[in-house]
Amino acid sequence: MRKSKQRTVVTILTMSLIAVMLIALYYYLTKQTKPVEKLSEAEVLLSKDLKLYYPATPKEVVKLYSSILQTLYTDLEDDETKALALKIRELYDKELLEKNPEEDYLTNIYSEIIEWKKAKRTITDFSFVHEEDYVTDNIDGIEYTTVHVIYTFEEKTKHLEEWRFLLRRDDENHWKILGWNYLPGEE
């Protein structure tokens, strides 16, 4: 009978010791692992490696451009603003880059952002239209296409603007933004 009690006591002590060790291990692990911080939209966009994962279609190029543009005109740190402005240039065609030197481009972006902040203007949304009309033209062996986007702006009231983007396929088979224009009265 005494051996039976001894076994019971040893079993209880062993189980208690294991339970204490498991609780200590759990406590240690939960204190060591910090919760993953959610990245801001700017951080997500800046983390995109366009050399490895360039958007495959003209629509995806303009979608990324529009997402960056939408984020650019929010309250960002100066370094994020510059980094996003430079990231958006990765989507531009060589010809557009040549016409807009980096220093001039950054100066224009910063002044435009200041104007937008004064006017309390933001891009709240964007959507693609006339997708069935996307036509790729081949001129002198070079492919061109257009993409239409409607931006929703908020400045005192919400209003829509339609913009047409012209893209050209480059030597690396990437669609690059060659230019864009506002289509008045087609909202």
N, C-alpha and C. Protein backbone atom coordinates (compact mmCIF):
# COMPACT_ATOMS: atom_id res chain seq x y z
N MET A 1 0.82 -1.18 0.00
CA MET A 1 0.00 0.00 0.00
C MET A 1 0.88 1.26 0.00
N ARG A 2 1.95 1.19 0.73
CA ARG A 2 2.85 2.32 0.82
C ARG A 2 3.49 2.61 -0.55
N LYS A 3 3.86 1.55 -1.29
CA LYS A 3 4.43 1.72 -2.62
C LYS A 3 3.41 2.36 -3.57
N SER A 4 2.19 1.99 -3.42
CA SER A 4 1.14 2.54 -4.27
C SER A 4 0.99 4.05 -4.02
N LYS A 5 1.03 4.46 -2.74
CA LYS A 5 0.95 5.88 -2.40
C LYS A 5 2.17 6.62 -2.93
N GLN A 6 3.33 5.96 -2.81
CA GLN A 6 4.56 6.59 -3.30
C GLN A 6 4.48 6.82 -4.81
N ARG A 7 3.99 5.84 -5.53
CA ARG A 7 3.85 5.98 -6.99
C ARG A 7 2.89 7.11 -7.33
N THR A 8 1.81 7.18 -6.60
CA THR A 8 0.82 8.23 -6.85
C THR A 8 1.44 9.61 -6.60
N VAL A 9 2.17 9.74 -5.51
CA VAL A 9 2.81 11.01 -5.18
C VAL A 9 3.85 11.37 -6.25
N VAL A 10 4.66 10.39 -6.67
CA VAL A 10 5.67 10.62 -7.70
C VAL A 10 4.99 11.02 -9.01
N THR A 11 3.93 10.36 -9.37
CA THR A 11 3.19 10.67 -10.60
C THR A 11 2.63 12.09 -10.54
N ILE A 12 2.02 12.44 -9.41
CA ILE A 12 1.45 13.78 -9.26
C ILE A 12 2.55 14.84 -9.34
N LEU A 13 3.68 14.59 -8.66
CA LEU A 13 4.79 15.53 -8.70
C LEU A 13 5.36 15.66 -10.12
N THR A 14 5.50 14.55 -10.81
CA THR A 14 6.02 14.57 -12.18
C THR A 14 5.08 15.35 -13.10
N MET A 15 3.79 15.07 -12.99
CA MET A 15 2.80 15.77 -13.83
C MET A 15 2.78 17.26 -13.50
N SER A 16 2.88 17.59 -12.22
CA SER A 16 2.90 19.00 -11.82
C SER A 16 4.13 19.70 -12.37
N LEU A 17 5.28 19.02 -12.29
CA LEU A 17 6.52 19.59 -12.81
C LEU A 17 6.42 19.82 -14.32
N ILE A 18 5.86 18.86 -15.05
CA ILE A 18 5.68 19.00 -16.50
C ILE A 18 4.73 20.16 -16.80
N ALA A 19 3.65 20.28 -16.03
CA ALA A 19 2.70 21.37 -16.24
C ALA A 19 3.36 22.72 -16.00
N VAL A 20 4.15 22.82 -14.93
CA VAL A 20 4.85 24.07 -14.63
C VAL A 20 5.82 24.40 -15.75
N MET A 21 6.53 23.39 -16.26
CA MET A 21 7.48 23.61 -17.35
C MET A 21 6.76 24.08 -18.62
N LEU A 22 5.62 23.49 -18.93
CA LEU A 22 4.85 23.90 -20.11
C LEU A 22 4.34 25.33 -19.97
N ILE A 23 3.86 25.68 -18.78
CA ILE A 23 3.39 27.05 -18.55
C ILE A 23 4.54 28.04 -18.68
N ALA A 24 5.70 27.68 -18.13
CA ALA A 24 6.87 28.55 -18.22
C ALA A 24 7.31 28.70 -19.68
N LEU A 25 7.29 27.61 -20.43
CA LEU A 25 7.67 27.66 -21.85
C LEU A 25 6.69 28.54 -22.63
N TYR A 26 5.41 28.37 -22.39
CA TYR A 26 4.40 29.19 -23.06
C TYR A 26 4.61 30.67 -22.74
N TYR A 27 4.81 30.98 -21.46
CA TYR A 27 5.04 32.36 -21.04
C TYR A 27 6.28 32.93 -21.71
N TYR A 28 7.34 32.15 -21.76
CA TYR A 28 8.60 32.58 -22.39
C TYR A 28 8.39 32.88 -23.87
N LEU A 29 7.71 31.98 -24.57
CA LEU A 29 7.51 32.15 -26.01
C LEU A 29 6.59 33.34 -26.32
N THR A 30 5.56 33.54 -25.53
CA THR A 30 4.65 34.66 -25.82
C THR A 30 5.31 35.99 -25.53
N LYS A 31 6.20 36.04 -24.59
CA LYS A 31 6.91 37.29 -24.29
C LYS A 31 8.01 37.55 -25.31
N GLN A 32 8.56 36.50 -25.91
CA GLN A 32 9.65 36.64 -26.87
C GLN A 32 9.15 37.07 -28.25
N THR A 33 8.02 36.53 -28.67
CA THR A 33 7.51 36.85 -30.00
C THR A 33 6.66 38.12 -29.92
N LYS A 34 7.08 39.09 -30.67
CA LYS A 34 6.34 40.34 -30.71
C LYS A 34 5.32 40.25 -31.84
N PRO A 35 4.17 40.87 -31.65
CA PRO A 35 3.18 40.82 -32.72
C PRO A 35 3.72 41.50 -33.98
N VAL A 36 3.35 40.95 -35.12
CA VAL A 36 3.79 41.50 -36.39
C VAL A 36 3.05 42.81 -36.63
N GLU A 37 3.82 43.86 -36.88
CA GLU A 37 3.21 45.16 -37.15
C GLU A 37 2.73 45.19 -38.59
N LYS A 38 1.54 45.72 -38.77
CA LYS A 38 0.99 45.83 -40.11
C LYS A 38 1.71 46.95 -40.85
N LEU A 39 2.10 46.66 -42.09
CA LEU A 39 2.80 47.65 -42.90
C LEU A 39 1.83 48.71 -43.40
N SER A 40 2.31 49.93 -43.50
CA SER A 40 1.49 51.00 -44.08
C SER A 40 1.40 50.77 -45.59
N GLU A 41 0.45 51.44 -46.22
CA GLU A 41 0.30 51.31 -47.68
C GLU A 41 1.58 51.74 -48.39
N ALA A 42 2.22 52.80 -47.88
CA ALA A 42 3.47 53.26 -48.49
C ALA A 42 4.55 52.19 -48.37
N GLU A 43 4.65 51.54 -47.21
CA GLU A 43 5.66 50.49 -47.02
C GLU A 43 5.40 49.30 -47.93
N VAL A 44 4.13 48.95 -48.10
CA VAL A 44 3.78 47.84 -48.99
C VAL A 44 4.20 48.17 -50.42
N LEU A 45 3.88 49.37 -50.87
CA LEU A 45 4.22 49.77 -52.24
C LEU A 45 5.73 49.86 -52.44
N LEU A 46 6.42 50.38 -51.44
CA LEU A 46 7.88 50.51 -51.55
C LEU A 46 8.58 49.16 -51.52
N SER A 47 7.94 48.16 -50.93
CA SER A 47 8.56 46.83 -50.85
C SER A 47 8.46 46.06 -52.17
N LYS A 48 7.68 46.54 -53.10
CA LYS A 48 7.54 45.85 -54.39
C LYS A 48 8.83 45.98 -55.19
N ASP A 49 9.37 44.84 -55.60
CA ASP A 49 10.59 44.82 -56.40
C ASP A 49 10.18 44.72 -57.87
N LEU A 50 10.18 45.84 -58.56
CA LEU A 50 9.72 45.86 -59.94
C LEU A 50 10.71 45.23 -60.91
N LYS A 51 11.94 45.06 -60.48
CA LYS A 51 12.91 44.37 -61.34
C LYS A 51 12.58 42.88 -61.41
N LEU A 52 12.10 42.33 -60.30
CA LEU A 52 11.74 40.91 -60.27
C LEU A 52 10.28 40.66 -60.64
N TYR A 53 9.40 41.54 -60.19
CA TYR A 53 7.96 41.31 -60.35
C TYR A 53 7.30 42.53 -61.00
N TYR A 54 7.64 42.78 -62.24
CA TYR A 54 7.04 43.90 -62.95
C TYR A 54 5.61 43.53 -63.33
N PRO A 55 4.65 44.45 -63.23
CA PRO A 55 3.26 44.14 -63.61
C PRO A 55 3.18 43.60 -65.04
N ALA A 56 2.38 42.57 -65.22
CA ALA A 56 2.36 41.84 -66.50
C ALA A 56 1.52 42.51 -67.59
N THR A 57 0.49 43.23 -67.20
CA THR A 57 -0.42 43.80 -68.20
C THR A 57 -0.45 45.33 -68.08
N PRO A 58 -0.90 46.00 -69.13
CA PRO A 58 -1.03 47.46 -69.05
C PRO A 58 -1.94 47.90 -67.90
N LYS A 59 -3.03 47.16 -67.70
CA LYS A 59 -3.95 47.50 -66.61
C LYS A 59 -3.25 47.40 -65.26
N GLU A 60 -2.44 46.36 -65.05
CA GLU A 60 -1.73 46.20 -63.78
C GLU A 60 -0.71 47.31 -63.58
N VAL A 61 -0.07 47.76 -64.66
CA VAL A 61 0.89 48.87 -64.56
C VAL A 61 0.17 50.13 -64.09
N VAL A 62 -0.97 50.43 -64.71
CA VAL A 62 -1.72 51.64 -64.36
C VAL A 62 -2.33 51.50 -62.97
N LYS A 63 -2.71 50.29 -62.60
CA LYS A 63 -3.25 50.06 -61.25
C LYS A 63 -2.17 50.36 -60.20
N LEU A 64 -0.96 49.87 -60.41
CA LEU A 64 0.13 50.15 -59.48
C LEU A 64 0.44 51.65 -59.46
N TYR A 65 0.50 52.25 -60.63
CA TYR A 65 0.72 53.70 -60.73
C TYR A 65 -0.33 54.45 -59.91
N SER A 66 -1.59 54.08 -60.09
CA SER A 66 -2.69 54.76 -59.40
C SER A 66 -2.63 54.55 -57.89
N SER A 67 -2.25 53.36 -57.46
CA SER A 67 -2.10 53.09 -56.03
C SER A 67 -1.00 53.94 -55.42
N ILE A 68 0.12 54.04 -56.14
CA ILE A 68 1.23 54.87 -55.66
C ILE A 68 0.80 56.33 -55.63
N LEU A 69 0.13 56.78 -56.69
CA LEU A 69 -0.33 58.17 -56.76
C LEU A 69 -1.29 58.48 -55.61
N GLN A 70 -2.21 57.57 -55.36
CA GLN A 70 -3.19 57.75 -54.28
C GLN A 70 -2.47 57.88 -52.93
N THR A 71 -1.44 57.09 -52.73
CA THR A 71 -0.69 57.11 -51.47
C THR A 71 0.21 58.35 -51.39
N LEU A 72 0.76 58.76 -52.52
CA LEU A 72 1.65 59.94 -52.54
C LEU A 72 0.97 61.19 -51.99
N TYR A 73 -0.31 61.33 -52.26
CA TYR A 73 -1.02 62.54 -51.87
C TYR A 73 -1.69 62.42 -50.50
N THR A 74 -1.10 61.60 -49.64
CA THR A 74 -1.55 61.50 -48.25
C THR A 74 -0.43 62.05 -47.37
N ASP A 75 -0.63 62.02 -46.07
CA ASP A 75 0.40 62.51 -45.15
C ASP A 75 1.49 61.47 -45.00
N LEU A 76 2.60 61.71 -45.65
CA LEU A 76 3.74 60.80 -45.60
C LEU A 76 4.95 61.53 -45.06
N GLU A 77 5.90 60.75 -44.58
CA GLU A 77 7.20 61.32 -44.22
C GLU A 77 7.90 61.72 -45.51
N ASP A 78 8.81 62.66 -45.40
CA ASP A 78 9.52 63.18 -46.57
C ASP A 78 10.27 62.08 -47.31
N ASP A 79 10.90 61.16 -46.56
CA ASP A 79 11.66 60.09 -47.21
C ASP A 79 10.74 59.12 -47.94
N GLU A 80 9.54 58.88 -47.39
CA GLU A 80 8.58 58.02 -48.07
C GLU A 80 8.06 58.68 -49.34
N THR A 81 7.83 59.97 -49.28
CA THR A 81 7.36 60.71 -50.46
C THR A 81 8.37 60.59 -51.58
N LYS A 82 9.63 60.84 -51.26
CA LYS A 82 10.67 60.77 -52.29
C LYS A 82 10.80 59.35 -52.83
N ALA A 83 10.78 58.36 -51.94
CA ALA A 83 10.92 56.96 -52.37
C ALA A 83 9.76 56.55 -53.27
N LEU A 84 8.54 56.95 -52.93
CA LEU A 84 7.38 56.61 -53.77
C LEU A 84 7.44 57.34 -55.10
N ALA A 85 7.88 58.59 -55.08
CA ALA A 85 8.00 59.35 -56.33
C ALA A 85 9.02 58.68 -57.25
N LEU A 86 10.09 58.18 -56.68
CA LEU A 86 11.09 57.48 -57.50
C LEU A 86 10.59 56.11 -57.94
N LYS A 87 9.80 55.46 -57.10
CA LYS A 87 9.23 54.15 -57.45
C LYS A 87 8.29 54.29 -58.65
N ILE A 88 7.50 55.35 -58.66
CA ILE A 88 6.55 55.55 -59.76
C ILE A 88 7.29 55.76 -61.08
N ARG A 89 8.48 56.34 -61.02
CA ARG A 89 9.28 56.56 -62.24
C ARG A 89 9.72 55.25 -62.87
N GLU A 90 9.76 54.18 -62.09
CA GLU A 90 10.12 52.87 -62.64
C GLU A 90 9.07 52.37 -63.62
N LEU A 91 7.88 52.95 -63.56
CA LEU A 91 6.79 52.57 -64.47
C LEU A 91 6.78 53.41 -65.74
N TYR A 92 7.62 54.43 -65.80
CA TYR A 92 7.65 55.35 -66.93
C TYR A 92 8.53 54.84 -68.07
N ASP A 93 8.12 55.16 -69.27
CA ASP A 93 8.89 54.86 -70.47
C ASP A 93 10.14 55.74 -70.50
N LYS A 94 11.17 55.26 -71.18
CA LYS A 94 12.44 56.02 -71.28
C LYS A 94 12.20 57.43 -71.82
N GLU A 95 11.34 57.54 -72.80
CA GLU A 95 11.08 58.84 -73.41
C GLU A 95 10.47 59.82 -72.40
N LEU A 96 9.56 59.33 -71.58
CA LEU A 96 8.95 60.18 -70.55
C LEU A 96 9.99 60.56 -69.49
N LEU A 97 10.86 59.63 -69.14
CA LEU A 97 11.92 59.92 -68.17
C LEU A 97 12.88 60.98 -68.69
N GLU A 98 13.19 60.90 -69.98
CA GLU A 98 14.10 61.89 -70.57
C GLU A 98 13.50 63.30 -70.56
N LYS A 99 12.19 63.37 -70.76
CA LYS A 99 11.52 64.67 -70.78
C LYS A 99 11.30 65.23 -69.37
N ASN A 100 11.42 64.36 -68.36
CA ASN A 100 11.21 64.77 -66.97
C ASN A 100 12.39 64.33 -66.12
N PRO A 101 13.48 65.10 -66.12
CA PRO A 101 14.64 64.74 -65.30
C PRO A 101 14.23 64.58 -63.83
N GLU A 102 14.91 63.69 -63.14
CA GLU A 102 14.55 63.34 -61.77
C GLU A 102 14.42 64.56 -60.86
N GLU A 103 15.37 65.46 -60.90
CA GLU A 103 15.35 66.62 -60.01
C GLU A 103 14.13 67.51 -60.28
N ASP A 104 13.85 67.77 -61.55
CA ASP A 104 12.67 68.57 -61.92
C ASP A 104 11.39 67.86 -61.50
N TYR A 105 11.37 66.57 -61.74
CA TYR A 105 10.20 65.75 -61.40
C TYR A 105 9.91 65.83 -59.90
N LEU A 106 10.94 65.64 -59.07
CA LEU A 106 10.76 65.69 -57.62
C LEU A 106 10.29 67.07 -57.17
N THR A 107 10.86 68.11 -57.73
CA THR A 107 10.45 69.47 -57.39
C THR A 107 8.97 69.67 -57.71
N ASN A 108 8.55 69.21 -58.89
CA ASN A 108 7.14 69.34 -59.29
C ASN A 108 6.21 68.54 -58.39
N ILE A 109 6.63 67.32 -58.05
CA ILE A 109 5.80 66.47 -57.17
C ILE A 109 5.62 67.13 -55.81
N TYR A 110 6.72 67.61 -55.22
CA TYR A 110 6.63 68.24 -53.90
C TYR A 110 5.73 69.47 -53.93
N SER A 111 5.84 70.29 -54.95
CA SER A 111 4.98 71.49 -55.01
C SER A 111 3.52 71.09 -55.25
N GLU A 112 3.30 70.06 -56.04
CA GLU A 112 1.93 69.59 -56.27
C GLU A 112 1.32 69.03 -54.99
N ILE A 113 2.11 68.30 -54.23
CA ILE A 113 1.62 67.74 -52.96
C ILE A 113 1.25 68.86 -52.00
N ILE A 114 2.05 69.91 -51.95
CA ILE A 114 1.75 71.06 -51.09
C ILE A 114 0.43 71.70 -51.51
N GLU A 115 0.23 71.87 -52.82
CA GLU A 115 -1.02 72.44 -53.33
C GLU A 115 -2.21 71.56 -52.95
N TRP A 116 -2.05 70.26 -53.09
CA TRP A 116 -3.14 69.33 -52.76
C TRP A 116 -3.47 69.41 -51.27
N LYS A 117 -2.45 69.49 -50.43
CA LYS A 117 -2.70 69.57 -48.98
C LYS A 117 -3.44 70.86 -48.63
N LYS A 118 -3.05 71.97 -49.25
CA LYS A 118 -3.73 73.24 -49.00
C LYS A 118 -5.20 73.15 -49.41
N ALA A 119 -5.45 72.51 -50.53
CA ALA A 119 -6.82 72.38 -51.05
C ALA A 119 -7.57 71.23 -50.39
N LYS A 120 -6.88 70.46 -49.54
CA LYS A 120 -7.47 69.27 -48.90
C LYS A 120 -8.04 68.33 -49.95
N ARG A 121 -7.25 68.11 -50.99
CA ARG A 121 -7.66 67.26 -52.10
C ARG A 121 -7.01 65.89 -51.95
N THR A 122 -7.79 64.85 -52.15
CA THR A 122 -7.27 63.48 -52.09
C THR A 122 -7.90 62.64 -53.19
N ILE A 123 -7.21 61.56 -53.53
CA ILE A 123 -7.78 60.55 -54.42
C ILE A 123 -8.37 59.49 -53.51
N THR A 124 -9.68 59.33 -53.55
CA THR A 124 -10.32 58.37 -52.65
C THR A 124 -10.49 57.00 -53.29
N ASP A 125 -10.51 56.96 -54.63
CA ASP A 125 -10.70 55.68 -55.31
C ASP A 125 -10.35 55.83 -56.78
N PHE A 126 -10.21 54.70 -57.44
CA PHE A 126 -10.03 54.71 -58.89
C PHE A 126 -10.58 53.40 -59.43
N SER A 127 -11.04 53.44 -60.68
CA SER A 127 -11.56 52.23 -61.32
C SER A 127 -11.27 52.31 -62.81
N PHE A 128 -11.30 51.15 -63.43
CA PHE A 128 -10.97 51.06 -64.85
C PHE A 128 -12.26 51.02 -65.66
N VAL A 129 -12.23 51.70 -66.80
CA VAL A 129 -13.40 51.75 -67.68
C VAL A 129 -12.99 51.43 -69.10
N HIS A 130 -13.98 51.11 -69.89
CA HIS A 130 -13.78 50.83 -71.31
C HIS A 130 -12.78 49.69 -71.53
N GLU A 131 -12.77 48.72 -70.63
CA GLU A 131 -11.79 47.63 -70.75
C GLU A 131 -11.97 46.86 -72.05
N GLU A 132 -13.21 46.80 -72.53
CA GLU A 132 -13.45 46.09 -73.79
C GLU A 132 -12.85 46.84 -74.98
N ASP A 133 -12.56 48.13 -74.77
CA ASP A 133 -11.99 48.95 -75.85
C ASP A 133 -10.46 48.96 -75.87
N TYR A 134 -9.84 48.24 -74.95
CA TYR A 134 -8.37 48.24 -74.94
C TYR A 134 -7.88 47.60 -76.23
N VAL A 135 -7.20 48.40 -77.01
CA VAL A 135 -6.68 47.92 -78.29
C VAL A 135 -5.18 48.13 -78.29
N THR A 136 -4.47 47.10 -78.71
CA THR A 136 -3.03 47.22 -78.83
C THR A 136 -2.70 47.47 -80.29
N ASP A 137 -2.02 48.58 -80.54
CA ASP A 137 -1.59 48.93 -81.90
C ASP A 137 -0.12 48.63 -82.05
N ASN A 138 0.25 48.21 -83.24
CA ASN A 138 1.66 47.95 -83.54
C ASN A 138 2.10 48.97 -84.58
N ILE A 139 2.97 49.89 -84.14
CA ILE A 139 3.47 50.94 -85.04
C ILE A 139 4.98 50.78 -85.16
N ASP A 140 5.43 50.51 -86.38
CA ASP A 140 6.86 50.30 -86.64
C ASP A 140 7.45 49.23 -85.74
N GLY A 141 6.68 48.17 -85.50
CA GLY A 141 7.17 47.05 -84.70
C GLY A 141 7.14 47.28 -83.19
N ILE A 142 6.55 48.39 -82.75
CA ILE A 142 6.46 48.69 -81.32
C ILE A 142 4.99 48.68 -80.92
N GLU A 143 4.68 48.00 -79.80
CA GLU A 143 3.29 47.89 -79.34
C GLU A 143 2.92 49.06 -78.44
N TYR A 144 1.72 49.60 -78.67
CA TYR A 144 1.15 50.68 -77.87
C TYR A 144 -0.25 50.26 -77.45
N THR A 145 -0.69 50.76 -76.31
CA THR A 145 -2.07 50.54 -75.88
C THR A 145 -2.50 51.69 -74.99
N THR A 146 -3.81 51.81 -74.79
CA THR A 146 -4.34 52.83 -73.87
C THR A 146 -5.16 52.15 -72.79
N VAL A 147 -5.17 52.76 -71.63
CA VAL A 147 -5.96 52.30 -70.48
C VAL A 147 -6.70 53.51 -69.94
N HIS A 148 -8.00 53.34 -69.70
CA HIS A 148 -8.82 54.43 -69.17
C HIS A 148 -9.10 54.19 -67.69
N VAL A 149 -8.92 55.24 -66.90
CA VAL A 149 -9.14 55.16 -65.45
C VAL A 149 -10.02 56.32 -65.02
N ILE A 150 -10.95 56.03 -64.12
CA ILE A 150 -11.74 57.10 -63.50
C ILE A 150 -11.25 57.23 -62.06
N TYR A 151 -10.78 58.43 -61.73
CA TYR A 151 -10.35 58.73 -60.37
C TYR A 151 -11.47 59.44 -59.64
N THR A 152 -11.67 59.08 -58.38
CA THR A 152 -12.60 59.80 -57.52
C THR A 152 -11.77 60.71 -56.63
N PHE A 153 -11.99 62.00 -56.78
CA PHE A 153 -11.28 63.01 -56.00
C PHE A 153 -12.21 63.57 -54.94
N GLU A 154 -11.65 63.89 -53.80
CA GLU A 154 -12.43 64.57 -52.77
C GLU A 154 -11.74 65.89 -52.45
N GLU A 155 -12.49 66.96 -52.67
CA GLU A 155 -12.04 68.32 -52.37
C GLU A 155 -13.32 69.12 -52.19
N LYS A 156 -13.70 69.32 -50.97
CA LYS A 156 -14.99 69.91 -50.61
C LYS A 156 -16.10 68.92 -50.95
N THR A 157 -16.19 68.50 -52.21
CA THR A 157 -17.15 67.47 -52.61
C THR A 157 -16.40 66.41 -53.42
N LYS A 158 -17.06 65.30 -53.63
CA LYS A 158 -16.45 64.25 -54.46
C LYS A 158 -16.77 64.52 -55.92
N HIS A 159 -15.80 64.30 -56.77
CA HIS A 159 -16.05 64.39 -58.20
C HIS A 159 -15.16 63.37 -58.93
N LEU A 160 -15.58 63.03 -60.12
CA LEU A 160 -14.89 62.02 -60.92
C LEU A 160 -14.17 62.67 -62.09
N GLU A 161 -13.03 62.08 -62.43
CA GLU A 161 -12.30 62.52 -63.62
C GLU A 161 -11.81 61.29 -64.36
N GLU A 162 -11.99 61.30 -65.67
CA GLU A 162 -11.49 60.19 -66.48
C GLU A 162 -10.16 60.59 -67.11
N TRP A 163 -9.20 59.67 -67.01
CA TRP A 163 -7.86 59.88 -67.56
C TRP A 163 -7.52 58.72 -68.48
N ARG A 164 -6.83 59.02 -69.57
CA ARG A 164 -6.39 58.00 -70.52
C ARG A 164 -4.86 57.91 -70.44
N PHE A 165 -4.37 56.69 -70.27
CA PHE A 165 -2.93 56.43 -70.21
C PHE A 165 -2.49 55.76 -71.49
N LEU A 166 -1.37 56.22 -72.03
CA LEU A 166 -0.76 55.60 -73.20
C LEU A 166 0.46 54.83 -72.71
N LEU A 167 0.51 53.55 -73.07
CA LEU A 167 1.63 52.70 -72.67
C LEU A 167 2.31 52.13 -73.89
N ARG A 168 3.60 51.87 -73.74
CA ARG A 168 4.39 51.30 -74.83
C ARG A 168 5.19 50.13 -74.25
N ARG A 169 5.26 49.05 -75.03
CA ARG A 169 6.04 47.88 -74.60
C ARG A 169 7.52 48.16 -74.88
N ASP A 170 8.36 47.94 -73.86
CA ASP A 170 9.79 48.23 -74.03
C ASP A 170 10.57 46.98 -74.48
N ASP A 171 11.89 47.11 -74.55
CA ASP A 171 12.76 46.02 -75.01
C ASP A 171 12.72 44.80 -74.09
N GLU A 172 12.37 45.01 -72.82
CA GLU A 172 12.29 43.91 -71.86
C GLU A 172 10.89 43.32 -71.79
N ASN A 173 10.03 43.71 -72.73
CA ASN A 173 8.66 43.22 -72.82
C ASN A 173 7.77 43.74 -71.68
N HIS A 174 8.15 44.86 -71.07
CA HIS A 174 7.36 45.49 -70.02
C HIS A 174 6.56 46.64 -70.61
N TRP A 175 5.32 46.78 -70.13
CA TRP A 175 4.51 47.92 -70.52
C TRP A 175 4.93 49.10 -69.66
N LYS A 176 5.30 50.20 -70.31
CA LYS A 176 5.74 51.40 -69.61
C LYS A 176 4.83 52.57 -69.97
N ILE A 177 4.58 53.43 -69.01
CA ILE A 177 3.71 54.59 -69.22
C ILE A 177 4.46 55.64 -70.05
N LEU A 178 3.87 55.97 -71.18
CA LEU A 178 4.46 56.96 -72.09
C LEU A 178 3.86 58.35 -71.84
N GLY A 179 2.63 58.37 -71.34
CA GLY A 179 1.97 59.64 -71.05
C GLY A 179 0.52 59.40 -70.65
N TRP A 180 -0.17 60.48 -70.33
CA TRP A 180 -1.58 60.41 -69.95
C TRP A 180 -2.21 61.75 -70.23
N ASN A 181 -3.54 61.73 -70.34
CA ASN A 181 -4.26 62.98 -70.49
C ASN A 181 -5.64 62.87 -69.88
N TYR A 182 -6.13 64.03 -69.45
CA TYR A 182 -7.45 64.17 -68.85
C TYR A 182 -8.48 64.22 -69.97
N LEU A 183 -9.58 63.51 -69.77
CA LEU A 183 -10.66 63.51 -70.76
C LEU A 183 -11.84 64.30 -70.19
N PRO A 184 -11.90 65.59 -70.46
CA PRO A 184 -12.96 66.42 -69.88
C PRO A 184 -14.32 66.05 -70.42
N GLY A 185 -15.30 66.15 -69.55
CA GLY A 185 -16.68 65.94 -69.97
C GLY A 185 -17.05 64.49 -70.22
N GLU A 186 -16.16 63.57 -69.92
CA GLU A 186 -16.47 62.16 -70.15
C GLU A 186 -16.61 61.42 -68.84
N GLU A 187 -16.96 62.13 -67.76
CA GLU A 187 -17.08 61.49 -66.45
C GLU A 187 -18.32 60.65 -66.38
